[in-house]
Protein backbone atom coordinates (compact mmCIF):
# COMPACT_ATOMS: atom_id res chain seq x y z
CA MET A 1 0.00 0.00 0.00
CA SER A 2 1.47 3.33 -1.03
CA SER A 3 2.26 6.00 1.54
CA PHE A 4 -0.24 8.31 -0.17
CA ILE A 5 -3.14 5.88 0.36
CA LYS A 6 -2.03 5.25 3.96
CA GLY A 7 -1.96 8.98 4.58
CA LEU A 8 -5.40 9.41 3.01
CA LEU A 9 -6.87 6.62 5.15
CA PHE A 10 -5.31 8.11 8.26
CA LEU A 11 -6.77 11.52 7.41
CA CYS A 12 -10.25 9.98 6.91
CA VAL A 13 -10.02 8.24 10.30
CA VAL A 14 -8.96 11.48 12.01
CA ILE A 15 -11.80 13.42 10.37
CA GLY A 16 -14.31 10.71 11.30
CA ILE A 17 -13.21 10.66 14.94
CA SER A 18 -13.30 14.47 15.04
CA VAL A 19 -16.85 14.59 13.66
CA ILE A 20 -18.05 11.97 16.16
CA GLY A 21 -16.32 13.80 19.00
CA LEU A 22 -17.83 17.13 17.96
CA PHE A 23 -21.29 15.53 17.78
CA TYR A 24 -21.01 14.28 21.36
CA LEU A 25 -19.68 17.63 22.52
CA ILE A 26 -22.53 19.71 21.12
CA THR A 27 -25.48 17.37 21.84
CA ALA A 28 -27.12 16.39 25.11
CA PRO A 29 -29.80 13.90 26.27
CA SER A 30 -31.94 16.62 27.89
CA PRO A 31 -32.83 20.28 27.20
CA LEU A 32 -31.04 23.14 28.93
CA LEU A 33 -34.26 25.13 29.37
CA LYS A 34 -37.82 24.56 30.53
CA PRO A 35 -40.60 24.71 27.90
CA ASN A 36 -41.81 28.20 27.04
CA THR A 37 -45.29 29.11 28.24
CA VAL A 38 -48.24 28.92 25.83
CA ILE A 39 -48.27 32.17 23.91
CA ASN A 40 -51.25 34.51 24.14
CA SER A 41 -52.46 37.56 22.26
CA GLU A 42 -50.95 40.04 24.72
CA GLN A 43 -47.48 38.53 24.25
CA VAL A 44 -47.84 38.72 20.46
CA ARG A 45 -48.90 42.38 20.73
CA SER A 46 -46.03 43.18 23.11
CA ALA A 47 -43.38 41.52 20.93
CA LYS A 48 -44.74 43.17 17.78
CA THR A 49 -44.73 46.59 19.46
CA MET A 50 -41.17 46.14 20.69
CA LEU A 51 -39.87 45.07 17.26
CA GLY A 52 -41.67 48.00 15.65
CA ARG A 53 -40.12 50.40 18.17
CA ILE A 54 -36.63 49.06 17.45
CA ALA A 55 -37.15 49.30 13.68
CA GLN A 56 -38.41 52.87 14.01
CA GLN A 57 -35.37 53.88 16.05
CA LEU A 58 -32.99 52.36 13.51
CA LYS A 59 -34.53 54.03 10.48
CA GLY A 60 -35.56 57.30 12.16
CA SER A 61 -34.29 60.74 11.17
CA GLU A 62 -33.42 62.02 14.66
CA ASP A 63 -29.80 62.61 15.67
CA GLN A 64 -30.09 60.30 18.69
CA ILE A 65 -31.17 56.70 19.18
CA ASP A 66 -33.15 56.39 22.43
CA LEU A 67 -34.45 52.92 23.19
CA VAL A 68 -35.38 50.81 26.25
CA VAL A 69 -36.25 47.09 26.22
CA THR A 70 -37.53 45.48 29.43
CA GLN A 71 -37.16 41.93 30.73
CA SER A 72 -40.90 41.44 30.26
CA GLU A 73 -40.67 42.41 26.59
CA LEU A 74 -37.74 40.04 26.09
CA ASP A 75 -39.80 37.24 27.67
CA ASP A 76 -42.62 37.90 25.20
CA LEU A 77 -40.21 37.96 22.25
CA MET A 78 -38.62 34.66 23.31
CA ALA A 79 -42.06 33.07 23.70
CA LEU A 80 -42.98 34.25 20.21
CA ALA A 81 -39.74 32.95 18.69
CA ALA A 82 -39.95 29.59 20.47
CA HIS A 83 -43.54 29.09 19.34
CA THR A 84 -42.51 29.85 15.75
CA VAL A 85 -39.61 27.40 15.57
CA PRO A 86 -40.82 23.84 16.24
CA ARG A 87 -39.21 21.87 19.09
CA SER A 88 -37.31 24.87 20.44
CA ARG A 89 -37.01 26.56 23.84
CA LEU A 90 -35.60 30.07 24.17
CA GLU A 91 -34.84 32.39 27.04
CA ALA A 92 -33.20 35.78 27.60
CA LEU A 93 -32.26 36.91 31.09
CA ILE A 94 -31.07 40.33 32.27
CA SER A 95 -28.98 40.10 35.44
CA GLY A 96 -26.59 42.70 36.81
CA ARG A 97 -24.53 44.00 33.91
CA ARG A 98 -25.10 40.87 31.82
CA VAL A 99 -27.64 39.59 29.33
CA THR A 100 -27.72 35.84 28.73
CA ILE A 101 -29.53 34.35 25.73
CA GLY A 102 -29.98 30.58 25.68
CA GLY A 103 -31.76 27.98 23.64
CA SER A 104 -32.53 24.28 23.38
CA PHE A 105 -33.48 22.64 20.10
CA GLN A 106 -34.63 19.10 19.37
CA PRO A 107 -33.42 18.51 15.78
CA TYR A 108 -35.24 15.22 15.23
CA PRO A 109 -38.84 14.85 16.48
CA ASN A 110 -38.50 11.07 16.79
CA TYR A 111 -35.47 11.32 19.09
CA SER A 112 -36.73 12.71 22.38
CA SER A 113 -33.34 12.37 24.10
CA LEU A 114 -31.25 14.37 21.63
CA TYR A 115 -30.93 18.14 22.07
CA LEU A 116 -28.72 20.95 20.90
CA ASN A 117 -28.20 23.35 23.80
CA GLY A 118 -26.37 26.66 23.75
CA TYR A 119 -26.10 30.07 25.33
CA CYS A 120 -24.21 33.34 25.06
CA THR A 121 -23.57 35.86 27.82
CA PHE A 122 -23.13 39.50 26.83
CA LEU A 123 -21.39 41.85 29.26
CA GLN A 124 -21.62 45.60 29.62
CA SER A 125 -18.06 46.57 30.47
CA THR A 126 -16.72 50.06 31.07
CA ARG A 127 -15.94 50.37 27.37
CA SER A 128 -18.59 48.41 25.46
CA PHE A 129 -21.32 45.78 25.36
CA LYS A 130 -20.18 42.55 23.71
CA ALA A 131 -20.17 38.76 23.99
CA GLU A 132 -18.31 37.61 27.09
CA TYR A 133 -18.67 33.85 26.72
CA CYS A 134 -20.64 31.35 24.63
CA GLN A 135 -21.11 27.61 24.79
CA ILE A 136 -22.72 25.04 22.48
CA GLY A 137 -23.35 21.81 24.34
CA ASP A 138 -20.10 21.15 26.20
CA LEU A 139 -18.06 23.06 23.61
CA PRO A 140 -16.85 26.44 24.95
CA ILE A 141 -16.51 29.39 22.59
CA PRO A 142 -14.25 32.13 23.98
CA SER A 143 -15.11 35.81 23.79
CA SER A 144 -12.79 36.66 20.90
CA MET A 145 -14.15 33.86 18.70
CA ALA A 146 -17.79 34.57 19.65
CA ASN A 147 -17.50 38.25 18.71
CA TRP A 148 -15.69 37.36 15.49
CA LEU A 149 -18.47 34.91 14.53
CA ILE A 150 -21.15 37.52 15.30
CA LYS A 151 -19.38 40.06 13.09
CA LEU A 152 -18.91 37.49 10.32
CA ALA A 153 -22.60 36.54 10.37
CA ALA A 154 -23.71 40.19 10.41
CA ASN A 155 -21.52 41.01 7.41
CA LYS A 156 -22.83 37.98 5.54
CA PHE A 157 -26.53 38.58 6.10
CA LEU A 158 -26.82 42.37 6.38
CA GLY A 159 -23.95 43.64 4.27
CA GLU A 160 -20.70 45.03 5.62
CA GLU A 161 -21.71 48.71 5.65
CA PHE A 162 -24.91 48.29 7.65
CA SER A 163 -23.58 45.54 9.94
CA GLN A 164 -20.54 47.57 11.01
CA SER A 165 -22.76 50.54 11.86
CA LEU A 166 -25.20 48.29 13.73
CA ILE A 167 -22.45 46.61 15.76
CA SER A 168 -21.00 50.00 16.68
CA VAL A 169 -24.44 51.05 17.97
CA VAL A 170 -24.98 47.81 19.92
CA THR A 171 -21.72 48.31 21.83
CA HIS A 172 -23.37 51.30 23.56
CA ILE A 173 -26.11 49.20 25.21
CA LYS A 174 -26.39 49.73 28.97
CA VAL A 175 -27.77 46.98 31.21
CA ASN A 176 -29.87 47.71 34.30
CA ASP A 177 -31.54 45.32 36.74
CA ASP A 178 -34.51 44.48 34.52
CA SER A 179 -33.97 46.35 31.26
CA MET A 180 -31.52 47.26 28.52
CA SER A 181 -31.19 50.82 27.28
CA LEU A 182 -29.53 52.39 24.28
CA PHE A 183 -28.89 56.11 24.02
CA THR A 184 -26.29 57.09 21.47
CA GLN A 185 -25.55 59.25 18.46
CA ARG A 186 -27.07 57.88 15.29
CA PRO A 187 -24.29 56.79 12.88
CA SER A 188 -24.11 58.87 9.73
CA GLN A 189 -24.42 55.63 7.71
CA PHE A 190 -27.94 55.13 9.09
CA ARG A 191 -29.21 58.38 7.58
CA GLY A 192 -30.74 57.56 4.24
CA TYR A 193 -29.45 54.01 4.39
CA ASN A 194 -31.86 51.41 3.02
CA ILE A 195 -32.32 49.13 6.04
CA LYS A 196 -35.14 47.30 4.29
CA GLN A 197 -32.75 46.35 1.48
CA SER A 198 -30.35 44.83 4.01
CA LEU A 199 -33.13 42.69 5.42
CA ILE A 200 -34.17 41.65 1.92
CA GLN A 201 -30.55 40.68 1.23
CA ALA A 202 -30.52 38.56 4.39
CA SER A 203 -33.77 36.85 3.42
CA ALA A 204 -32.48 36.09 -0.07
CA ILE A 205 -29.31 34.51 1.36
CA VAL A 206 -31.27 32.34 3.79
CA THR A 207 -33.76 31.29 1.12
CA SER A 208 -31.24 30.34 -1.56
CA GLU A 209 -28.04 29.35 0.23
CA TYR A 210 -29.18 27.89 3.53
CA LEU A 211 -32.65 26.53 2.76
CA GLY A 212 -31.63 25.34 -0.68
CA ILE A 213 -34.61 27.01 -2.37
CA GLU A 214 -33.89 28.26 -5.85
CA VAL A 215 -36.60 30.13 -7.73
CA ASN A 216 -35.98 30.01 -11.47
CA THR A 217 -35.88 33.66 -12.56
CA GLN A 218 -36.79 32.89 -16.18
CA ARG A 219 -39.84 30.84 -15.22
CA PHE A 220 -40.89 33.43 -12.64
CA ALA A 221 -40.68 36.19 -15.27
CA GLU A 222 -42.76 34.16 -17.73
CA TYR A 223 -45.55 33.54 -15.23
CA TYR A 224 -45.45 37.06 -13.81
CA THR A 225 -45.55 38.62 -17.29
CA HIS A 226 -48.43 36.33 -18.24
CA LEU A 227 -50.40 37.52 -15.21
CA GLN A 228 -49.71 41.14 -16.21
CA SER A 229 -51.01 40.48 -19.72
CA ILE A 230 -54.48 39.38 -18.60
CA GLU A 231 -56.79 42.22 -19.62
CA LEU A 232 -60.16 41.10 -18.27
CA PRO A 233 -60.01 40.66 -14.51
CA ASN A 234 -61.67 37.72 -12.82
CA GLN A 235 -61.90 37.90 -9.07
CA SER A 236 -61.36 34.24 -8.16
CA LEU A 237 -57.79 33.07 -7.58
CA ALA A 238 -58.81 29.80 -9.25
CA PHE A 239 -58.97 31.66 -12.58
CA TYR A 240 -55.36 32.80 -12.22
CA THR A 241 -54.05 29.46 -11.00
CA GLN A 242 -55.64 27.92 -14.10
CA GLN A 243 -53.92 30.50 -16.30
CA VAL A 244 -50.48 30.06 -14.74
CA PHE A 245 -50.52 26.28 -14.43
CA SER A 246 -51.91 25.89 -17.93
CA LEU A 247 -48.78 27.69 -19.13
CA ALA A 248 -46.57 25.58 -16.86
CA SER A 249 -48.14 22.29 -17.98
CA ARG A 250 -47.22 23.02 -21.60
CA GLN A 251 -43.54 23.49 -20.76
CA ALA A 252 -40.87 20.83 -20.72
CA GLY A 253 -38.52 20.51 -17.79
CA ASP A 254 -38.68 20.21 -14.04
CA ALA A 255 -42.30 20.41 -12.85
CA ILE A 256 -41.28 21.18 -9.26
CA GLU A 257 -39.18 24.12 -10.45
CA GLN A 258 -42.08 25.36 -12.59
CA ASN A 259 -44.58 25.08 -9.74
CA ARG A 260 -42.30 26.84 -7.28
CA ALA A 261 -41.84 29.75 -9.70
CA ALA A 262 -45.62 29.87 -10.27
CA ILE A 263 -46.36 30.07 -6.53
CA TRP A 264 -43.86 32.91 -6.05
CA ALA A 265 -45.18 34.74 -9.14
CA LEU A 266 -48.77 34.59 -7.87
CA ALA A 267 -47.73 35.81 -4.41
CA ALA A 268 -45.60 38.65 -5.80
CA PHE A 269 -48.28 39.72 -8.30
CA PHE A 270 -51.29 39.76 -5.98
CA GLY A 271 -49.51 40.24 -2.66
CA ASP A 272 -46.16 41.97 -2.40
CA LYS A 273 -43.31 42.26 -4.88
CA ARG A 274 -40.86 41.82 -2.00
CA PHE A 275 -41.55 38.09 -2.17
CA ALA A 276 -39.59 38.09 -5.41
CA GLU A 277 -36.80 40.13 -3.84
CA TYR A 278 -36.61 37.67 -0.94
CA ALA A 279 -36.02 34.90 -3.48
CA GLY A 280 -33.20 36.89 -5.09
CA ILE A 281 -35.16 37.81 -8.24
CA LYS A 282 -34.12 41.23 -9.52
CA ASP A 283 -34.36 41.42 -13.30
CA VAL A 284 -38.14 41.69 -13.55
CA GLN A 285 -40.29 44.77 -14.09
CA PHE A 286 -42.71 44.64 -11.17
CA ARG A 287 -46.13 46.08 -11.85
CA GLY A 288 -48.47 44.32 -9.45
CA SER A 289 -52.11 43.51 -9.99
CA ARG A 290 -54.43 46.39 -10.86
CA PHE A 291 -57.22 44.39 -9.32
CA GLY A 292 -57.51 42.06 -6.35
CA THR A 293 -58.21 38.36 -6.23
CA THR A 294 -60.40 36.37 -3.88
CA LEU A 295 -61.10 32.97 -2.37
CA ALA A 296 -64.60 32.32 -1.06
CA GLY A 297 -65.34 35.86 -2.23
CA ARG A 298 -62.76 37.42 0.10
CA ASN A 299 -59.50 39.13 -0.78
CA ASP A 300 -58.03 38.53 2.68
CA LEU A 301 -58.38 34.76 2.32
CA ALA A 302 -56.59 34.80 -1.05
CA LEU A 303 -53.69 36.72 0.50
CA HIS A 304 -53.54 34.37 3.50
CA PHE A 305 -53.41 31.45 1.08
CA LEU A 306 -50.66 32.88 -1.14
CA TYR A 307 -48.51 34.22 1.68
CA SER A 308 -48.65 30.91 3.53
CA ALA A 309 -47.73 29.00 0.37
CA VAL A 310 -44.56 31.09 0.07
CA LEU A 311 -43.81 30.88 3.80
CA ASP A 312 -43.97 27.10 3.49
CA GLN A 313 -41.34 27.33 0.75
CA ILE A 314 -39.13 29.41 3.03
CA GLY A 315 -39.55 27.84 6.42
CA GLY A 316 -41.71 24.74 6.21
CA GLU A 317 -45.21 23.92 7.40
CA GLN A 318 -44.78 24.73 11.08
CA ILE A 319 -43.31 28.19 10.55
CA GLY A 320 -45.84 29.05 7.86
CA PHE A 321 -48.75 28.06 10.09
CA LYS A 322 -47.34 29.63 13.27
CA ILE A 323 -46.90 33.00 11.57
CA GLY A 324 -50.54 32.87 10.49
CA GLU A 325 -51.53 31.88 14.01
CA PHE A 326 -49.61 34.84 15.47
CA LYS A 327 -51.40 37.17 13.11
CA GLU A 328 -54.75 35.88 14.36
CA LEU A 329 -53.69 36.16 18.00
CA ASN A 330 -52.64 39.75 17.36
CA ASP A 331 -55.98 40.44 15.64
CA SER A 332 -57.81 39.19 18.73
CA ASN A 333 -56.46 42.16 20.72
CA VAL A 334 -58.58 45.28 21.22
CA GLY A 335 -58.78 47.15 17.91
CA GLY A 336 -57.95 44.08 15.83
CA SER A 337 -60.23 42.34 13.34
CA GLY A 338 -60.70 39.33 15.63
CA TYR A 339 -59.44 35.75 15.64
CA SER A 340 -60.58 33.92 12.51
CA PHE A 341 -60.48 30.18 11.89
CA ALA A 342 -61.39 30.93 8.27
CA ASP A 343 -58.11 32.83 7.99
CA LEU A 344 -56.29 29.89 9.58
CA ALA A 345 -57.99 27.56 7.10
CA ALA A 346 -56.61 29.70 4.28
CA ASP A 347 -53.15 29.55 5.88
CA LYS A 348 -53.24 25.76 6.17
CA ALA A 349 -54.66 25.43 2.65
CA GLY A 350 -51.82 27.53 1.22
CA ILE A 351 -49.23 25.43 3.05
CA ARG A 352 -50.80 22.16 1.82
CA PHE A 353 -50.97 23.57 -1.72
CA SER A 354 -47.25 24.39 -1.65
CA GLN A 355 -46.36 20.95 -0.30
CA GLU A 356 -48.37 19.07 -2.92
CA LEU A 357 -46.98 21.07 -5.82
CA THR A 358 -43.30 20.76 -4.86
CA SER A 359 -42.91 17.47 -2.95
CA SER A 360 -42.21 15.10 -5.86
CA ALA A 361 -41.98 15.19 -9.65
CA LYS A 362 -45.09 13.02 -10.10
CA LYS A 363 -47.24 15.04 -7.69
CA ALA A 364 -45.98 18.27 -9.24
CA ARG A 365 -46.94 17.19 -12.77
CA ASP A 366 -50.30 15.70 -11.69
CA ALA A 367 -51.17 18.91 -9.83
CA GLN A 368 -50.27 20.99 -12.89
CA GLN A 369 -52.66 18.98 -15.07
CA LEU A 370 -55.52 19.25 -12.59
CA LEU A 371 -55.10 22.98 -11.96
CA ALA A 372 -54.58 23.72 -15.67
CA ASN A 373 -58.01 22.33 -16.52
CA SER A 374 -60.20 23.85 -13.83
CA GLN A 375 -61.26 27.23 -12.50
CA ILE A 376 -63.05 25.75 -9.49
CA GLU A 377 -61.81 26.95 -6.08
CA GLY A 378 -63.10 23.81 -4.38
CA ILE A 379 -60.30 21.80 -5.96
CA PHE A 380 -57.73 23.39 -3.65
CA PHE A 381 -59.60 25.59 -1.15
CA PRO A 382 -61.84 24.23 1.64
CA ASP A 383 -65.36 25.11 2.72
CA ILE A 384 -65.15 27.78 5.45
CA ASN A 385 -68.78 27.60 6.53
CA ASN A 386 -69.32 27.38 10.30
CA LEU A 387 -65.70 28.25 11.12
CA PRO A 388 -65.68 30.80 14.00
CA GLU A 389 -64.50 34.31 13.15
CA ASN A 390 -64.13 37.78 14.69
CA LEU A 391 -63.38 36.36 18.15
CA SER A 392 -61.75 38.47 20.83
CA TYR A 393 -59.06 36.70 22.82
CA GLN A 394 -61.51 36.28 25.72
CA GLN A 395 -64.12 34.78 23.37
CA LEU A 396 -61.50 32.48 21.83
CA THR A 397 -60.36 31.09 25.17
CA SER A 398 -63.88 30.73 26.60
CA GLN A 399 -65.54 29.23 23.49
CA ILE A 400 -62.66 27.24 21.96
CA GLY A 401 -59.71 27.28 24.36
CA GLU A 402 -56.02 28.25 24.39
CA VAL A 403 -53.88 27.29 21.41
CA ASP A 404 -52.79 24.04 23.10
CA SER A 405 -56.27 23.05 24.35
CA ASP A 406 -58.34 20.08 23.15
CA GLY A 407 -61.00 22.44 21.78
CA TYR A 408 -58.50 24.39 19.70
CA LYS A 409 -56.88 21.18 18.43
CA ALA A 410 -60.30 19.82 17.46
CA MET A 411 -61.03 22.95 15.44
CA THR A 412 -57.71 22.78 13.57
CA ALA A 413 -58.28 19.04 12.99
CA LEU A 414 -61.63 19.88 11.36
CA VAL A 415 -59.89 22.38 9.08
CA LYS A 416 -57.26 19.79 8.15
CA GLN A 417 -59.95 17.19 7.41
CA ARG A 418 -61.69 19.58 5.02
CA ILE A 419 -58.43 20.34 3.23
CA GLU A 420 -57.36 16.71 2.89
CA GLY A 421 -60.71 15.90 1.28
CA LEU A 422 -60.11 18.30 -1.64
CA ALA A 423 -59.65 16.93 -5.17
CA LEU A 424 -56.05 18.14 -5.45
CA TYR A 425 -54.97 15.76 -2.69
CA GLN A 426 -56.69 12.58 -3.88
CA ASN A 427 -53.97 11.40 -6.31
């Protein structure tokens, strides 16, 4: 055996042992944190308000940034985040001059004794606020490496110009007993800087590079242009799905790729052009719909359906549904439109639609043929009769129950049953 082959085998053994060792270092048989509490409408409202306040401070025109975030608001934000990401537990704790953010994640639902645990402690020193120590499982990450990784990630997702300005601002955070405050001069780079574009850039990177979702720009442009060319409006979304999938069914090539582009084109045309930007599509003249579209005679249900279909593409079924659920919880607050199980039915229908059209080549092609030959909503959208709507949070909890109650689960099971009985899902 040559020395080269011996060396290669030795290298493979070393790499294998290192990977196994790393796996055991970063995993644990039990979670680091207790389960987060069941989220309610007040927590959704609180977290939404806090995020809006932060965004307003970052993009404001004033010379100073003046912001306070309390422990209670952090608790609400962590509850919201943990409820969004399946099988996760998150916590943020303000103590003394430190803020500790920790999390536990169960990567495989069928393995109840396998967890990824981690935390980072940030310290307000006399000079700045930065990561003091981090740990993933039993693997320690020293301060210098933790701060380097944070900077690297910020540059990658937000762009170097904005991330450097943001990090310089964050270093001025002051920590009190139960709150964090930020009062500092607004960086000159923030004035007139397109923060939204940085977030769009981050979303495009996550969608394409990390989630492996590629939206074919050429196909997207074909379907989007075709939608723009329709002169006589027809309110039902079923009319437009028939138009787009009729075009797709006549094309050769990857049916999954075609269907994905069609879903994104419909969402960008009738909903928001930013969906295309999130997918990294730039070379298209966006001129959205001059008229709305409906499902069950309602524009809001069509938008719920399309947005959830795209969210399923980005983050999977659980995230797509949870975001819709949060929207309903927020609507159940005073001044909102009320909790609607019809809206949730549209969310779940959009998610199921996305799954069926992109899960396998056969299902993708079969779905194309069915949708291309029908303008009937009932093929892919369920009956919403007798689904409770316009409920305040008090009415929701008294009539149905909390989101983890048997009553709530029974209602969502009814919605699922109606969706699974649709013609599109009988192949």
